[in-house]
Amino acid sequence: MSPAVRTWLIVALTLGYLATAHFALIHHSTVLAAAATAILALLFLASIQGRHRAVVRMVVAAIGAVVVLLVARGAPPLPLLLPPVLIPASVAFMFGRTLRPGRTPLVERVARGFHAPVVPAPEIIRYSHGVTWAWTLLLGAVATINAVLIVNLVPGGLIDIAGFAPRWPATPAAFVWFGNTGTYLLIGGMLVAEFSVRVWRFPDYRFKNPLQFIREARIRMPNIVAALKNG
């Protein structure tokens, strides 16, 4: 499978998963929950790369088939609750760990790679440091809120599954609209907001829309990857 085809497949599976999981949780549908779990397993399979990808895919496929069967038979759809916590938490950790003393902030690495071989101006370095903090705090907060929601979700939350009544019950609608949909809208909104602030903060910035920046970033990707590895 070519990289372009794999990319579009991952995009299609992601959109399909978000829509199916949304309606599965809203309507408490076992059929849709099993379908969303199956799409999530396919998404993992399509994302696996590396030397031993065939073996890893076989293991993931086997585990995925078992989980889909359990959900189809009425087991709590826990796989649908985990991505809104694990994804932002993982990305927040990826940003946050580069803010430790002696490390180069992640966005600064990208900026250095993008401008290579020219060293970015000091104000760009300071701005990129602030953007790294912004992503860390936003994604950490989103992961925390989603974790609270899945713990207190009724029905199907962790406390509810354990047989207890949560003190602050959360409705499926609250989780779906914030955790399963709002999380990704917030991330998209942050991307748009950061780009808008960047254009305002640097009036001479020559990329006036995100598509121009993305096209240029693809051209400079080898430098960006090298800067990320050397950070």
C-alpha atoms as a PDB file:
ATOM      1  CA  MET A   1       0.000   0.000   0.000  1.00  0.00           C
ATOM      2  CA  SER A   2       1.412   3.368  -1.028  1.00  0.00           C
ATOM      3  CA  PRO A   3       1.884   6.080   1.633  1.00  0.00           C
ATOM      4  CA  ALA A   4      -0.770   8.264  -0.013  1.00  0.00           C
ATOM      5  CA  VAL A   5      -3.353   5.463  -0.014  1.00  0.00           C
ATOM      6  CA  ARG A   6      -2.529   4.579   3.598  1.00  0.00           C
ATOM      7  CA  THR A   7      -2.917   8.223   4.634  1.00  0.00           C
ATOM      8  CA  TRP A   8      -6.335   8.544   3.019  1.00  0.00           C
ATOM      9  CA  LEU A   9      -7.390   5.185   4.483  1.00  0.00           C
ATOM     10  CA  ILE A  10      -6.417   6.357   7.974  1.00  0.00           C
ATOM     11  CA  VAL A  11      -8.330   9.617   7.467  1.00  0.00           C
ATOM     12  CA  ALA A  12     -11.434   7.728   6.274  1.00  0.00           C
ATOM     13  CA  LEU A  13     -11.255   5.237   9.159  1.00  0.00           C
ATOM     14  CA  THR A  14     -10.782   8.041  11.681  1.00  0.00           C
ATOM     15  CA  LEU A  15     -13.846   9.938  10.443  1.00  0.00           C
ATOM     16  CA  GLY A  16     -15.850   6.729  10.314  1.00  0.00           C
ATOM     17  CA  TYR A  17     -14.814   5.824  13.857  1.00  0.00           C
ATOM     18  CA  LEU A  18     -15.717   9.249  15.262  1.00  0.00           C
ATOM     19  CA  ALA A  19     -19.184   9.205  13.678  1.00  0.00           C
ATOM     20  CA  THR A  20     -19.954   5.593  14.627  1.00  0.00           C
ATOM     21  CA  ALA A  21     -18.685   5.952  18.201  1.00  0.00           C
ATOM     22  CA  HIS A  22     -20.702   9.154  18.588  1.00  0.00           C
ATOM     23  CA  PHE A  23     -24.012   7.501  17.707  1.00  0.00           C
ATOM     24  CA  ALA A  24     -23.149   4.270  19.532  1.00  0.00           C
ATOM     25  CA  LEU A  25     -22.707   6.108  22.831  1.00  0.00           C
ATOM     26  CA  ILE A  26     -25.622   8.498  22.337  1.00  0.00           C
ATOM     27  CA  HIS A  27     -28.079   5.707  21.506  1.00  0.00           C
ATOM     28  CA  HIS A  28     -26.529   2.966  23.709  1.00  0.00           C
ATOM     29  CA  SER A  29     -26.379   0.776  20.604  1.00  0.00           C
ATOM     30  CA  THR A  30     -24.541  -2.523  20.974  1.00  0.00           C
ATOM     31  CA  VAL A  31     -24.382  -2.979  17.199  1.00  0.00           C
ATOM     32  CA  LEU A  32     -22.871   0.459  16.607  1.00  0.00           C
ATOM     33  CA  ALA A  33     -20.491   0.024  19.554  1.00  0.00           C
ATOM     34  CA  ALA A  34     -19.204  -3.222  18.031  1.00  0.00           C
ATOM     35  CA  ALA A  35     -18.895  -1.522  14.631  1.00  0.00           C
ATOM     36  CA  ALA A  36     -16.977   1.421  16.126  1.00  0.00           C
ATOM     37  CA  THR A  37     -14.665  -0.988  17.952  1.00  0.00           C
ATOM     38  CA  ALA A  38     -14.023  -2.857  14.695  1.00  0.00           C
ATOM     39  CA  ILE A  39     -13.210   0.399  12.886  1.00  0.00           C
ATOM     40  CA  LEU A  40     -10.852   1.356  15.722  1.00  0.00           C
ATOM     41  CA  ALA A  41      -9.070  -1.997  15.360  1.00  0.00           C
ATOM     42  CA  LEU A  42      -8.755  -1.443  11.590  1.00  0.00           C
ATOM     43  CA  LEU A  43      -7.350   2.020  12.283  1.00  0.00           C
ATOM     44  CA  PHE A  44      -4.659   0.500  14.484  1.00  0.00           C
ATOM     45  CA  LEU A  45      -3.891  -2.102  11.833  1.00  0.00           C
ATOM     46  CA  ALA A  46      -3.532   0.546   9.117  1.00  0.00           C
ATOM     47  CA  SER A  47      -1.222   2.610  11.343  1.00  0.00           C
ATOM     48  CA  ILE A  48       1.242  -0.170  12.176  1.00  0.00           C
ATOM     49  CA  GLN A  49       4.634   0.184  10.537  1.00  0.00           C
ATOM     50  CA  GLY A  50       8.104  -1.261  11.132  1.00  0.00           C
ATOM     51  CA  ARG A  51      10.123  -4.371  10.381  1.00  0.00           C
ATOM     52  CA  HIS A  52       7.854  -6.775  12.259  1.00  0.00           C
ATOM     53  CA  ARG A  53       4.575  -5.193  11.199  1.00  0.00           C
ATOM     54  CA  ALA A  54       3.140  -8.472   9.841  1.00  0.00           C
ATOM     55  CA  VAL A  55       3.452 -10.193  13.226  1.00  0.00           C
ATOM     56  CA  VAL A  56       2.220  -7.146  15.120  1.00  0.00           C
ATOM     57  CA  ARG A  57      -0.769  -6.846  12.801  1.00  0.00           C
ATOM     58  CA  MET A  58      -1.678 -10.486  13.385  1.00  0.00           C
ATOM     59  CA  VAL A  59      -1.598  -9.973  17.150  1.00  0.00           C
ATOM     60  CA  VAL A  60      -3.621  -6.740  16.951  1.00  0.00           C
ATOM     61  CA  ALA A  61      -6.134  -8.376  14.584  1.00  0.00           C
ATOM     62  CA  ALA A  62      -6.619 -11.312  16.976  1.00  0.00           C
ATOM     63  CA  ILE A  63      -7.059  -9.069  20.015  1.00  0.00           C
ATOM     64  CA  GLY A  64      -9.346  -6.751  18.058  1.00  0.00           C
ATOM     65  CA  ALA A  65     -11.558  -9.625  16.929  1.00  0.00           C
ATOM     66  CA  VAL A  66     -11.969 -10.838  20.508  1.00  0.00           C
ATOM     67  CA  VAL A  67     -12.803  -7.351  21.799  1.00  0.00           C
ATOM     68  CA  VAL A  68     -15.316  -6.739  18.994  1.00  0.00           C
ATOM     69  CA  LEU A  69     -17.009 -10.052  19.801  1.00  0.00           C
ATOM     70  CA  LEU A  70     -17.209  -9.180  23.504  1.00  0.00           C
ATOM     71  CA  VAL A  71     -18.688  -5.740  22.791  1.00  0.00           C
ATOM     72  CA  ALA A  72     -21.169  -7.268  20.320  1.00  0.00           C
ATOM     73  CA  ARG A  73     -22.301  -9.605  23.106  1.00  0.00           C
ATOM     74  CA  GLY A  74     -22.988  -6.732  25.466  1.00  0.00           C
ATOM     75  CA  ALA A  75     -19.683  -6.073  27.216  1.00  0.00           C
ATOM     76  CA  PRO A  76     -19.052  -2.402  28.159  1.00  0.00           C
ATOM     77  CA  PRO A  77     -17.541  -0.601  25.139  1.00  0.00           C
ATOM     78  CA  LEU A  78     -14.407   0.468  27.018  1.00  0.00           C
ATOM     79  CA  PRO A  79     -12.329   0.797  23.798  1.00  0.00           C
ATOM     80  CA  LEU A  80     -14.573   3.709  22.800  1.00  0.00           C
ATOM     81  CA  LEU A  81     -13.883   5.510  26.085  1.00  0.00           C
ATOM     82  CA  LEU A  82     -10.096   5.299  26.068  1.00  0.00           C
ATOM     83  CA  PRO A  83      -8.993   7.290  22.948  1.00  0.00           C
ATOM     84  CA  PRO A  84     -10.274  10.672  24.249  1.00  0.00           C
ATOM     85  CA  VAL A  85      -8.010  10.182  27.284  1.00  0.00           C
ATOM     86  CA  LEU A  86      -5.024   8.337  25.843  1.00  0.00           C
ATOM     87  CA  ILE A  87      -4.579  10.429  22.683  1.00  0.00           C
ATOM     88  CA  PRO A  88      -4.450  13.915  24.275  1.00  0.00           C
ATOM     89  CA  ALA A  89      -2.512  12.578  27.285  1.00  0.00           C
ATOM     90  CA  SER A  90       0.126  11.004  25.029  1.00  0.00           C
ATOM     91  CA  VAL A  91       0.504  14.134  22.916  1.00  0.00           C
ATOM     92  CA  ALA A  92       0.603  16.356  26.032  1.00  0.00           C
ATOM     93  CA  PHE A  93       3.403  14.159  27.398  1.00  0.00           C
ATOM     94  CA  MET A  94       5.234  14.407  24.069  1.00  0.00           C
ATOM     95  CA  PHE A  95       5.114  18.219  24.248  1.00  0.00           C
ATOM     96  CA  GLY A  96       5.648  18.509  27.993  1.00  0.00           C
ATOM     97  CA  ARG A  97       8.713  16.304  28.250  1.00  0.00           C
ATOM     98  CA  THR A  98      10.599  18.680  25.928  1.00  0.00           C
ATOM     99  CA  LEU A  99      10.035  21.553  28.369  1.00  0.00           C
ATOM    100  CA  ARG A 100      12.325  20.040  30.977  1.00  0.00           C
ATOM    101  CA  PRO A 101      15.607  21.875  31.725  1.00  0.00           C
ATOM    102  CA  GLY A 102      18.254  21.091  29.154  1.00  0.00           C
ATOM    103  CA  ARG A 103      15.733  20.068  26.486  1.00  0.00           C
ATOM    104  CA  THR A 104      14.670  21.985  23.390  1.00  0.00           C
ATOM    105  CA  PRO A 105      10.878  22.620  23.328  1.00  0.00           C
ATOM    106  CA  LEU A 106       9.134  20.596  20.653  1.00  0.00           C
ATOM    107  CA  VAL A 107       7.726  23.539  18.662  1.00  0.00           C
ATOM    108  CA  GLU A 108      11.132  25.222  18.757  1.00  0.00           C
ATOM    109  CA  ARG A 109      12.622  22.096  17.171  1.00  0.00           C
ATOM    110  CA  VAL A 110      10.052  22.298  14.395  1.00  0.00           C
ATOM    111  CA  ALA A 111      10.797  26.015  13.917  1.00  0.00           C
ATOM    112  CA  ARG A 112      14.551  25.373  13.740  1.00  0.00           C
ATOM    113  CA  GLY A 113      14.025  22.616  11.180  1.00  0.00           C
ATOM    114  CA  PHE A 114      11.623  24.743   9.164  1.00  0.00           C
ATOM    115  CA  HIS A 115      14.059  27.673   8.971  1.00  0.00           C
ATOM    116  CA  ALA A 116      17.231  25.582   8.540  1.00  0.00           C
ATOM    117  CA  PRO A 117      19.991  26.322   7.759  1.00  0.00           C
ATOM    118  CA  VAL A 118      19.074  29.819   9.026  1.00  0.00           C
ATOM    119  CA  VAL A 119      18.727  30.105  12.813  1.00  0.00           C
ATOM    120  CA  PRO A 120      15.276  31.482  13.755  1.00  0.00           C
ATOM    121  CA  ALA A 121      15.127  34.955  15.283  1.00  0.00           C
ATOM    122  CA  PRO A 122      15.012  35.157  19.117  1.00  0.00           C
ATOM    123  CA  GLU A 123      11.370  36.290  19.085  1.00  0.00           C
ATOM    124  CA  ILE A 124      10.430  33.186  17.079  1.00  0.00           C
ATOM    125  CA  ILE A 125      12.254  30.999  19.599  1.00  0.00           C
ATOM    126  CA  ARG A 126      10.373  32.644  22.494  1.00  0.00           C
ATOM    127  CA  TYR A 127       7.069  32.295  20.649  1.00  0.00           C
ATOM    128  CA  SER A 128       7.650  28.609  19.899  1.00  0.00           C
ATOM    129  CA  HIS A 129       8.457  28.002  23.573  1.00  0.00           C
ATOM    130  CA  GLY A 130       5.110  29.547  24.531  1.00  0.00           C
ATOM    131  CA  VAL A 131       3.255  27.479  21.932  1.00  0.00           C
ATOM    132  CA  THR A 132       4.791  24.284  23.351  1.00  0.00           C
ATOM    133  CA  TRP A 133       3.476  25.262  26.789  1.00  0.00           C
ATOM    134  CA  ALA A 134       0.042  26.064  25.327  1.00  0.00           C
ATOM    135  CA  TRP A 135      -0.274  22.636  23.691  1.00  0.00           C
ATOM    136  CA  THR A 136       0.915  20.878  26.842  1.00  0.00           C
ATOM    137  CA  LEU A 137      -1.593  22.649  29.091  1.00  0.00           C
ATOM    138  CA  LEU A 138      -4.526  22.355  26.677  1.00  0.00           C
ATOM    139  CA  LEU A 139      -4.067  18.655  25.955  1.00  0.00           C
ATOM    140  CA  GLY A 140      -3.335  17.853  29.594  1.00  0.00           C
ATOM    141  CA  ALA A 141      -6.543  19.601  30.653  1.00  0.00           C
ATOM    142  CA  VAL A 142      -8.574  17.821  27.948  1.00  0.00           C
ATOM    143  CA  ALA A 143      -7.207  14.413  28.976  1.00  0.00           C
ATOM    144  CA  THR A 144      -7.989  15.120  32.640  1.00  0.00           C
ATOM    145  CA  ILE A 145     -11.569  16.220  31.937  1.00  0.00           C
ATOM    146  CA  ASN A 146     -12.166  13.178  29.723  1.00  0.00           C
ATOM    147  CA  ALA A 147     -10.762  10.875  32.416  1.00  0.00           C
ATOM    148  CA  VAL A 148     -13.182  12.353  34.963  1.00  0.00           C
ATOM    149  CA  LEU A 149     -16.035  11.854  32.502  1.00  0.00           C
ATOM    150  CA  ILE A 150     -15.321   8.182  31.790  1.00  0.00           C
ATOM    151  CA  VAL A 151     -14.903   7.454  35.498  1.00  0.00           C
ATOM    152  CA  ASN A 152     -18.294   9.041  36.316  1.00  0.00           C
ATOM    153  CA  LEU A 153     -20.184   8.093  33.132  1.00  0.00           C
ATOM    154  CA  VAL A 154     -23.640   6.563  33.700  1.00  0.00           C
ATOM    155  CA  PRO A 155     -24.235   4.070  32.279  1.00  0.00           C
ATOM    156  CA  GLY A 156     -20.958   2.420  31.281  1.00  0.00           C
ATOM    157  CA  GLY A 157     -18.427   4.433  33.274  1.00  0.00           C
ATOM    158  CA  LEU A 158     -15.706   2.849  35.387  1.00  0.00           C
ATOM    159  CA  ILE A 159     -17.485   3.435  38.707  1.00  0.00           C
ATOM    160  CA  ASP A 160     -20.796   2.253  37.225  1.00  0.00           C
ATOM    161  CA  ILE A 161     -19.175  -0.915  35.825  1.00  0.00           C
ATOM    162  CA  ALA A 162     -17.715  -1.618  39.280  1.00  0.00           C
ATOM    163  CA  GLY A 163     -21.242  -1.598  40.665  1.00  0.00           C
ATOM    164  CA  PHE A 164     -21.229   1.736  42.473  1.00  0.00           C
ATOM    165  CA  ALA A 165     -23.077   5.005  41.941  1.00  0.00           C
ATOM    166  CA  PRO A 166     -20.732   7.907  41.096  1.00  0.00           C
ATOM    167  CA  ARG A 167     -21.072  10.996  43.244  1.00  0.00           C
ATOM    168  CA  TRP A 168     -21.004  13.261  40.184  1.00  0.00           C
ATOM    169  CA  PRO A 169     -22.623  11.220  37.373  1.00  0.00           C
ATOM    170  CA  ALA A 170     -21.884  12.252  33.797  1.00  0.00           C
ATOM    171  CA  THR A 171     -24.378  11.643  31.010  1.00  0.00           C
ATOM    172  CA  PRO A 172     -23.424   9.907  27.751  1.00  0.00           C
ATOM    173  CA  ALA A 173     -24.288  13.140  25.918  1.00  0.00           C
ATOM    174  CA  ALA A 174     -21.734  15.074  28.001  1.00  0.00           C
ATOM    175  CA  PHE A 175     -19.031  12.538  27.254  1.00  0.00           C
ATOM    176  CA  VAL A 176     -19.875  12.260  23.555  1.00  0.00           C
ATOM    177  CA  TRP A 177     -20.034  15.981  22.880  1.00  0.00           C
ATOM    178  CA  PHE A 178     -16.932  16.862  24.869  1.00  0.00           C
ATOM    179  CA  GLY A 179     -14.843  13.687  24.922  1.00  0.00           C
ATOM    180  CA  ASN A 180     -15.579  11.989  21.648  1.00  0.00           C
ATOM    181  CA  THR A 181     -16.296  15.063  19.496  1.00  0.00           C
ATOM    182  CA  GLY A 182     -15.300  18.198  21.379  1.00  0.00           C
ATOM    183  CA  THR A 183     -11.781  16.938  22.048  1.00  0.00           C
ATOM    184  CA  TYR A 184     -10.922  16.809  18.376  1.00  0.00           C
ATOM    185  CA  LEU A 185     -12.739  20.077  17.634  1.00  0.00           C
ATOM    186  CA  LEU A 186     -10.662  21.748  20.363  1.00  0.00           C
ATOM    187  CA  ILE A 187      -7.463  20.405  18.827  1.00  0.00           C
ATOM    188  CA  GLY A 188      -8.519  21.651  15.392  1.00  0.00           C
ATOM    189  CA  GLY A 189      -9.536  24.994  16.876  1.00  0.00           C
ATOM    190  CA  MET A 190      -6.176  25.291  18.611  1.00  0.00           C
ATOM    191  CA  LEU A 191      -4.377  24.749  15.299  1.00  0.00           C
ATOM    192  CA  VAL A 192      -6.416  27.489  13.632  1.00  0.00           C
ATOM    193  CA  ALA A 193      -6.076  29.870  16.600  1.00  0.00           C
ATOM    194  CA  GLU A 194      -2.314  29.369  16.864  1.00  0.00           C
ATOM    195  CA  PHE A 195      -1.834  30.031  13.161  1.00  0.00           C
ATOM    196  CA  SER A 196      -3.954  33.197  13.428  1.00  0.00           C
ATOM    197  CA  VAL A 197      -1.918  34.432  16.396  1.00  0.00           C
ATOM    198  CA  ARG A 198       1.286  33.629  14.511  1.00  0.00           C
ATOM    199  CA  VAL A 199       0.209  35.748  11.528  1.00  0.00           C
ATOM    200  CA  TRP A 200      -0.789  38.604  13.887  1.00  0.00           C
ATOM    201  CA  ARG A 201       2.349  38.302  16.026  1.00  0.00           C
ATOM    202  CA  PHE A 202       4.673  38.336  13.014  1.00  0.00           C
ATOM    203  CA  PRO A 203       3.264  40.790  10.419  1.00  0.00           C
ATOM    204  CA  ASP A 204       5.996  39.889   7.917  1.00  0.00           C
ATOM    205  CA  TYR A 205       5.114  36.178   8.065  1.00  0.00           C
ATOM    206  CA  ARG A 206       4.851  35.180   4.412  1.00  0.00           C
ATOM    207  CA  PHE A 207       2.387  32.294   4.826  1.00  0.00           C
ATOM    208  CA  LYS A 208      -1.016  33.941   5.020  1.00  0.00           C
ATOM    209  CA  ASN A 209      -3.046  30.735   5.135  1.00  0.00           C
ATOM    210  CA  PRO A 210      -2.441  27.260   6.602  1.00  0.00           C
ATOM    211  CA  LEU A 211      -2.363  25.520   3.203  1.00  0.00           C
ATOM    212  CA  GLN A 212       0.664  27.564   2.112  1.00  0.00           C
ATOM    213  CA  PHE A 213       2.431  26.667   5.336  1.00  0.00           C
ATOM    214  CA  ILE A 214       1.596  22.958   5.014  1.00  0.00           C
ATOM    215  CA  ARG A 215       2.894  22.823   1.440  1.00  0.00           C
ATOM    216  CA  GLU A 216       6.141  24.502   2.479  1.00  0.00           C
ATOM    217  CA  ALA A 217       6.465  22.245   5.534  1.00  0.00           C
ATOM    218  CA  ARG A 218       6.197  19.158   3.309  1.00  0.00           C
ATOM    219  CA  ILE A 219       9.091  20.455   1.204  1.00  0.00           C
ATOM    220  CA  ARG A 220      11.188  21.094   4.298  1.00  0.00           C
ATOM    221  CA  MET A 221      10.150  17.899   6.102  1.00  0.00           C
ATOM    222  CA  PRO A 222      13.643  16.279   6.025  1.00  0.00           C
ATOM    223  CA  ASN A 223      15.045  19.280   7.918  1.00  0.00           C
ATOM    224  CA  ILE A 224      12.132  19.239  10.374  1.00  0.00           C
ATOM    225  CA  VAL A 225      12.552  15.515  11.063  1.00  0.00           C
ATOM    226  CA  ALA A 226      16.286  15.978  11.603  1.00  0.00           C
ATOM    227  CA  ALA A 227      15.632  18.835  14.050  1.00  0.00           C
ATOM    228  CA  LEU A 228      13.099  16.720  15.969  1.00  0.00           C
ATOM    229  CA  LYS A 229      15.591  13.872  16.302  1.00  0.00           C
ATOM    230  CA  ASN A 230      18.443  16.138  17.358  1.00  0.00           C
ATOM    231  CA  GLY A 231      16.435  18.079  19.947  1.00  0.00           C
END
